[in-house]
Amino acid sequence: MTATPRYVAERSEPDQGRHFWAYTIEVANLGQETVQLKARHWIITDANGRTEEVHGAGVVGEEPTLPPGGRFEYTSGVPLNTATGIIRGRYEMVTDTGEPFSIEIPAFSLDVPDVRRVLN
């Protein structure tokens, strides 16, 4: 799984505290069985520590099936009230034999270009 975030200036209003990012996710099946992505769970945290959780079926209205070596790519978006944030989460998957399992999605950051993150 790879995540590529991109700040979307034309959909953002920084003076109003509104920032928007698009992110492209590529999911690859590196296993030996066919699998299906059934659900997602995102945890989105802004620079003020405000957290929002998003649960839903599939991704972008689809529940893609990936054979061994198969890939699926999609683009979605997220608004924040701060110029930086972090997304992490997991996908709920199922094998073609009906066995459920989860894939953890490592955290990736959302940063407005030229804004430096200050860590305490």
N, C-alpha and C. Protein backbone atom coordinates (compact mmCIF):
# COMPACT_ATOMS: atom_id res chain seq x y z
N MET A 1 0.84 -1.16 0.00
CA MET A 1 0.00 0.00 0.00
C MET A 1 0.89 1.23 0.00
N THR A 2 0.62 2.14 -0.92
CA THR A 2 1.32 3.41 -0.92
C THR A 2 0.30 4.53 -0.90
N ALA A 3 0.64 5.61 -0.24
CA ALA A 3 -0.23 6.78 -0.16
C ALA A 3 0.55 7.99 -0.65
N THR A 4 -0.09 8.76 -1.53
CA THR A 4 0.54 9.97 -2.05
C THR A 4 -0.42 11.14 -1.85
N PRO A 5 -0.19 11.97 -0.81
CA PRO A 5 -1.06 13.13 -0.58
C PRO A 5 -0.62 14.33 -1.42
N ARG A 6 -1.60 15.21 -1.73
CA ARG A 6 -1.32 16.42 -2.51
C ARG A 6 -2.23 17.53 -2.00
N TYR A 7 -1.64 18.66 -1.62
CA TYR A 7 -2.43 19.81 -1.19
C TYR A 7 -3.12 20.41 -2.41
N VAL A 8 -4.42 20.71 -2.26
CA VAL A 8 -5.20 21.24 -3.38
C VAL A 8 -5.52 22.71 -3.06
N ALA A 9 -4.65 23.60 -3.51
CA ALA A 9 -4.78 25.03 -3.21
C ALA A 9 -6.09 25.61 -3.74
N GLU A 10 -6.51 25.17 -4.91
CA GLU A 10 -7.73 25.74 -5.52
C GLU A 10 -9.01 25.36 -4.77
N ARG A 11 -8.95 24.37 -3.90
CA ARG A 11 -10.11 24.00 -3.08
C ARG A 11 -9.93 24.42 -1.62
N SER A 12 -8.86 25.15 -1.34
CA SER A 12 -8.55 25.58 0.01
C SER A 12 -8.76 27.08 0.17
N GLU A 13 -9.07 27.49 1.39
CA GLU A 13 -9.20 28.91 1.75
C GLU A 13 -8.44 29.11 3.06
N PRO A 14 -7.11 29.24 2.97
CA PRO A 14 -6.30 29.33 4.19
C PRO A 14 -6.72 30.46 5.12
N ASP A 15 -7.14 31.59 4.57
CA ASP A 15 -7.56 32.71 5.42
C ASP A 15 -8.81 32.39 6.23
N GLN A 16 -9.57 31.40 5.77
CA GLN A 16 -10.79 30.96 6.46
C GLN A 16 -10.53 29.69 7.29
N GLY A 17 -9.28 29.25 7.32
CA GLY A 17 -8.95 28.04 8.06
C GLY A 17 -9.45 26.77 7.39
N ARG A 18 -9.53 26.76 6.07
CA ARG A 18 -9.97 25.58 5.33
C ARG A 18 -8.86 25.14 4.38
N HIS A 19 -8.45 23.90 4.55
CA HIS A 19 -7.39 23.32 3.73
C HIS A 19 -7.89 21.99 3.19
N PHE A 20 -7.55 21.69 1.95
CA PHE A 20 -8.04 20.46 1.33
C PHE A 20 -6.87 19.70 0.70
N TRP A 21 -6.85 18.40 0.92
CA TRP A 21 -5.86 17.52 0.32
C TRP A 21 -6.55 16.43 -0.47
N ALA A 22 -5.96 16.07 -1.59
CA ALA A 22 -6.31 14.85 -2.29
C ALA A 22 -5.24 13.84 -1.94
N TYR A 23 -5.61 12.59 -1.89
CA TYR A 23 -4.60 11.55 -1.67
C TYR A 23 -4.92 10.37 -2.58
N THR A 24 -3.86 9.82 -3.14
CA THR A 24 -3.99 8.65 -4.01
C THR A 24 -3.42 7.46 -3.26
N ILE A 25 -4.20 6.40 -3.21
CA ILE A 25 -3.80 5.17 -2.53
C ILE A 25 -3.68 4.07 -3.57
N GLU A 26 -2.60 3.32 -3.51
CA GLU A 26 -2.47 2.12 -4.33
C GLU A 26 -2.37 0.92 -3.39
N VAL A 27 -3.27 -0.03 -3.59
CA VAL A 27 -3.28 -1.26 -2.82
C VAL A 27 -2.81 -2.37 -3.75
N ALA A 28 -1.86 -3.16 -3.30
CA ALA A 28 -1.33 -4.27 -4.10
C ALA A 28 -1.48 -5.56 -3.32
N ASN A 29 -1.91 -6.61 -4.00
CA ASN A 29 -2.00 -7.93 -3.38
C ASN A 29 -0.70 -8.68 -3.62
N LEU A 30 0.12 -8.76 -2.58
CA LEU A 30 1.40 -9.45 -2.68
C LEU A 30 1.32 -10.90 -2.21
N GLY A 31 0.10 -11.33 -1.86
CA GLY A 31 -0.10 -12.69 -1.37
C GLY A 31 -0.41 -13.68 -2.48
N GLN A 32 -0.77 -14.89 -2.06
CA GLN A 32 -1.05 -15.99 -2.98
C GLN A 32 -2.54 -16.23 -3.21
N GLU A 33 -3.40 -15.52 -2.46
CA GLU A 33 -4.85 -15.70 -2.58
C GLU A 33 -5.51 -14.44 -3.12
N THR A 34 -6.64 -14.61 -3.77
CA THR A 34 -7.46 -13.47 -4.18
C THR A 34 -8.11 -12.89 -2.92
N VAL A 35 -8.12 -11.55 -2.83
CA VAL A 35 -8.69 -10.87 -1.67
C VAL A 35 -9.63 -9.75 -2.14
N GLN A 36 -10.51 -9.35 -1.23
CA GLN A 36 -11.42 -8.25 -1.53
C GLN A 36 -11.37 -7.24 -0.40
N LEU A 37 -11.32 -5.96 -0.76
CA LEU A 37 -11.34 -4.87 0.21
C LEU A 37 -12.81 -4.59 0.52
N LYS A 38 -13.21 -4.84 1.77
CA LYS A 38 -14.62 -4.73 2.15
C LYS A 38 -14.96 -3.43 2.87
N ALA A 39 -14.02 -2.88 3.65
CA ALA A 39 -14.34 -1.69 4.45
C ALA A 39 -13.07 -0.92 4.77
N ARG A 40 -13.27 0.35 5.16
CA ARG A 40 -12.15 1.20 5.55
C ARG A 40 -12.45 1.84 6.90
N HIS A 41 -11.38 2.18 7.61
CA HIS A 41 -11.48 2.92 8.86
C HIS A 41 -10.32 3.90 8.89
N TRP A 42 -10.62 5.18 8.75
CA TRP A 42 -9.60 6.23 8.77
C TRP A 42 -9.66 6.97 10.10
N ILE A 43 -8.50 7.34 10.61
CA ILE A 43 -8.39 8.23 11.77
C ILE A 43 -7.61 9.44 11.28
N ILE A 44 -8.29 10.59 11.26
CA ILE A 44 -7.73 11.83 10.72
C ILE A 44 -7.53 12.80 11.88
N THR A 45 -6.31 13.25 12.07
CA THR A 45 -6.00 14.14 13.19
C THR A 45 -5.40 15.43 12.66
N ASP A 46 -5.98 16.58 13.07
CA ASP A 46 -5.43 17.86 12.62
C ASP A 46 -4.35 18.33 13.58
N ALA A 47 -3.74 19.47 13.28
CA ALA A 47 -2.62 19.99 14.08
C ALA A 47 -3.03 20.40 15.49
N ASN A 48 -4.31 20.58 15.74
CA ASN A 48 -4.80 20.91 17.08
C ASN A 48 -5.13 19.67 17.89
N GLY A 49 -4.92 18.49 17.30
CA GLY A 49 -5.22 17.25 18.01
C GLY A 49 -6.65 16.79 17.86
N ARG A 50 -7.46 17.53 17.10
CA ARG A 50 -8.85 17.14 16.86
C ARG A 50 -8.85 15.92 15.95
N THR A 51 -9.56 14.87 16.36
CA THR A 51 -9.58 13.61 15.61
C THR A 51 -10.97 13.32 15.09
N GLU A 52 -11.01 12.86 13.85
CA GLU A 52 -12.26 12.42 13.23
C GLU A 52 -12.03 11.00 12.73
N GLU A 53 -13.02 10.12 12.98
CA GLU A 53 -12.92 8.75 12.48
C GLU A 53 -13.96 8.56 11.38
N VAL A 54 -13.53 7.90 10.32
CA VAL A 54 -14.40 7.64 9.18
C VAL A 54 -14.44 6.14 8.95
N HIS A 55 -15.64 5.57 8.98
CA HIS A 55 -15.86 4.15 8.70
C HIS A 55 -16.75 4.05 7.47
N GLY A 56 -16.54 3.05 6.66
CA GLY A 56 -17.43 2.87 5.53
C GLY A 56 -17.11 1.62 4.74
N ALA A 57 -18.07 1.26 3.91
CA ALA A 57 -17.89 0.10 3.03
C ALA A 57 -16.94 0.46 1.90
N GLY A 58 -16.02 -0.44 1.60
CA GLY A 58 -15.13 -0.26 0.47
C GLY A 58 -14.40 1.06 0.47
N VAL A 59 -14.03 1.49 -0.74
CA VAL A 59 -13.38 2.79 -0.97
C VAL A 59 -13.97 3.39 -2.22
N VAL A 60 -14.22 4.67 -2.21
CA VAL A 60 -14.81 5.42 -3.32
C VAL A 60 -15.95 4.66 -4.01
N GLY A 61 -16.82 4.06 -3.20
CA GLY A 61 -17.99 3.36 -3.73
C GLY A 61 -17.71 1.99 -4.32
N GLU A 62 -16.51 1.47 -4.13
CA GLU A 62 -16.16 0.16 -4.68
C GLU A 62 -15.63 -0.76 -3.59
N GLU A 63 -15.78 -2.06 -3.82
CA GLU A 63 -15.17 -3.09 -2.98
C GLU A 63 -14.31 -3.95 -3.91
N PRO A 64 -13.13 -3.44 -4.27
CA PRO A 64 -12.33 -4.11 -5.29
C PRO A 64 -11.83 -5.49 -4.88
N THR A 65 -11.79 -6.38 -5.85
CA THR A 65 -11.23 -7.72 -5.69
C THR A 65 -9.87 -7.73 -6.38
N LEU A 66 -8.87 -8.24 -5.65
CA LEU A 66 -7.50 -8.25 -6.15
C LEU A 66 -6.97 -9.68 -6.22
N PRO A 67 -6.71 -10.18 -7.41
CA PRO A 67 -6.07 -11.49 -7.52
C PRO A 67 -4.61 -11.36 -7.10
N PRO A 68 -3.90 -12.47 -6.90
CA PRO A 68 -2.47 -12.37 -6.59
C PRO A 68 -1.75 -11.51 -7.63
N GLY A 69 -0.99 -10.54 -7.15
CA GLY A 69 -0.30 -9.61 -8.04
C GLY A 69 -1.15 -8.45 -8.52
N GLY A 70 -2.45 -8.47 -8.18
CA GLY A 70 -3.36 -7.41 -8.63
C GLY A 70 -3.16 -6.12 -7.86
N ARG A 71 -3.56 -5.03 -8.47
CA ARG A 71 -3.44 -3.70 -7.87
C ARG A 71 -4.74 -2.92 -8.07
N PHE A 72 -5.00 -2.00 -7.13
CA PHE A 72 -6.14 -1.10 -7.25
C PHE A 72 -5.68 0.27 -6.78
N GLU A 73 -5.98 1.30 -7.54
CA GLU A 73 -5.60 2.67 -7.19
C GLU A 73 -6.84 3.54 -7.20
N TYR A 74 -6.92 4.44 -6.21
CA TYR A 74 -8.03 5.38 -6.16
C TYR A 74 -7.55 6.69 -5.56
N THR A 75 -8.32 7.74 -5.82
CA THR A 75 -8.03 9.06 -5.25
C THR A 75 -9.25 9.54 -4.49
N SER A 76 -9.01 10.08 -3.31
CA SER A 76 -10.07 10.65 -2.48
C SER A 76 -9.55 11.96 -1.91
N GLY A 77 -10.30 12.56 -1.00
CA GLY A 77 -9.87 13.82 -0.44
C GLY A 77 -10.31 14.00 0.99
N VAL A 78 -9.68 14.98 1.65
CA VAL A 78 -10.01 15.27 3.04
C VAL A 78 -9.79 16.76 3.32
N PRO A 79 -10.78 17.41 3.98
CA PRO A 79 -10.60 18.79 4.41
C PRO A 79 -10.09 18.82 5.86
N LEU A 80 -9.32 19.84 6.19
CA LEU A 80 -8.88 20.08 7.57
C LEU A 80 -9.00 21.56 7.88
N ASN A 81 -9.10 21.87 9.16
CA ASN A 81 -9.14 23.27 9.59
C ASN A 81 -7.75 23.80 9.90
N THR A 82 -6.73 22.95 9.81
CA THR A 82 -5.36 23.36 10.08
C THR A 82 -4.49 23.06 8.86
N ALA A 83 -3.30 23.66 8.83
CA ALA A 83 -2.41 23.52 7.67
C ALA A 83 -1.64 22.21 7.65
N THR A 84 -1.74 21.42 8.71
CA THR A 84 -1.10 20.11 8.74
C THR A 84 -2.02 19.12 9.44
N GLY A 85 -1.76 17.86 9.19
CA GLY A 85 -2.53 16.80 9.83
C GLY A 85 -1.93 15.45 9.49
N ILE A 86 -2.56 14.41 10.03
CA ILE A 86 -2.08 13.04 9.82
C ILE A 86 -3.29 12.14 9.60
N ILE A 87 -3.13 11.19 8.69
CA ILE A 87 -4.15 10.16 8.46
C ILE A 87 -3.50 8.80 8.71
N ARG A 88 -4.23 7.93 9.39
CA ARG A 88 -3.83 6.53 9.53
C ARG A 88 -5.12 5.71 9.58
N GLY A 89 -4.99 4.41 9.51
CA GLY A 89 -6.20 3.60 9.57
C GLY A 89 -5.97 2.16 9.21
N ARG A 90 -7.02 1.54 8.68
CA ARG A 90 -6.92 0.15 8.26
C ARG A 90 -7.99 -0.18 7.24
N TYR A 91 -7.72 -1.22 6.46
CA TYR A 91 -8.69 -1.79 5.54
C TYR A 91 -9.11 -3.14 6.10
N GLU A 92 -10.40 -3.43 6.01
CA GLU A 92 -10.92 -4.75 6.35
C GLU A 92 -11.03 -5.52 5.05
N MET A 93 -10.37 -6.66 5.02
CA MET A 93 -10.28 -7.47 3.82
C MET A 93 -10.90 -8.84 4.07
N VAL A 94 -11.14 -9.58 2.98
CA VAL A 94 -11.59 -10.96 3.09
C VAL A 94 -10.96 -11.75 1.94
N THR A 95 -10.53 -12.99 2.26
CA THR A 95 -9.97 -13.85 1.22
C THR A 95 -11.09 -14.46 0.41
N ASP A 96 -10.75 -15.09 -0.72
CA ASP A 96 -11.78 -15.73 -1.54
C ASP A 96 -12.38 -16.95 -0.85
N THR A 97 -11.76 -17.41 0.25
CA THR A 97 -12.34 -18.50 1.04
C THR A 97 -13.16 -17.97 2.21
N GLY A 98 -13.32 -16.64 2.29
CA GLY A 98 -14.17 -16.04 3.32
C GLY A 98 -13.48 -15.70 4.61
N GLU A 99 -12.16 -15.78 4.67
CA GLU A 99 -11.41 -15.49 5.88
C GLU A 99 -11.14 -13.99 6.00
N PRO A 100 -11.65 -13.32 7.05
CA PRO A 100 -11.41 -11.88 7.20
C PRO A 100 -10.03 -11.59 7.78
N PHE A 101 -9.47 -10.45 7.40
CA PHE A 101 -8.22 -9.98 7.99
C PHE A 101 -8.14 -8.47 7.78
N SER A 102 -7.27 -7.81 8.54
CA SER A 102 -7.10 -6.36 8.46
C SER A 102 -5.72 -6.02 7.94
N ILE A 103 -5.64 -4.89 7.24
CA ILE A 103 -4.37 -4.33 6.81
C ILE A 103 -4.24 -2.96 7.47
N GLU A 104 -3.22 -2.78 8.28
CA GLU A 104 -2.97 -1.49 8.90
C GLU A 104 -2.40 -0.53 7.86
N ILE A 105 -2.89 0.70 7.87
CA ILE A 105 -2.40 1.74 6.97
C ILE A 105 -1.50 2.65 7.80
N PRO A 106 -0.20 2.67 7.50
CA PRO A 106 0.70 3.52 8.26
C PRO A 106 0.31 5.00 8.12
N ALA A 107 0.61 5.77 9.12
CA ALA A 107 0.29 7.20 9.10
C ALA A 107 1.02 7.90 7.95
N PHE A 108 0.30 8.81 7.31
CA PHE A 108 0.95 9.70 6.34
C PHE A 108 0.49 11.11 6.63
N SER A 109 1.38 12.07 6.38
CA SER A 109 1.10 13.44 6.79
C SER A 109 0.52 14.26 5.66
N LEU A 110 -0.26 15.23 6.07
CA LEU A 110 -0.85 16.23 5.19
C LEU A 110 -0.22 17.55 5.59
N ASP A 111 0.54 18.14 4.70
CA ASP A 111 1.24 19.38 5.01
C ASP A 111 1.07 20.38 3.87
N VAL A 112 0.66 21.59 4.21
CA VAL A 112 0.63 22.65 3.22
C VAL A 112 2.08 22.92 2.82
N PRO A 113 2.36 23.04 1.54
CA PRO A 113 3.74 23.35 1.13
C PRO A 113 4.27 24.59 1.85
N ASP A 114 5.52 24.53 2.25
CA ASP A 114 6.22 25.63 2.92
C ASP A 114 5.75 25.88 4.35
N VAL A 115 4.97 24.98 4.93
CA VAL A 115 4.60 25.08 6.34
C VAL A 115 5.42 24.04 7.08
N ARG A 116 6.12 24.46 8.10
CA ARG A 116 6.97 23.57 8.87
C ARG A 116 6.21 23.08 10.09
N ARG A 117 6.25 21.79 10.34
CA ARG A 117 5.59 21.18 11.49
C ARG A 117 6.48 21.38 12.72
N VAL A 118 5.91 21.85 13.82
CA VAL A 118 6.63 22.02 15.07
C VAL A 118 6.17 20.93 16.03
N LEU A 119 7.12 20.12 16.49
CA LEU A 119 6.81 19.05 17.42
C LEU A 119 7.29 19.44 18.80
N ASN A 120 6.46 19.23 19.80
CA ASN A 120 6.84 19.52 21.19
C ASN A 120 7.40 18.29 21.84
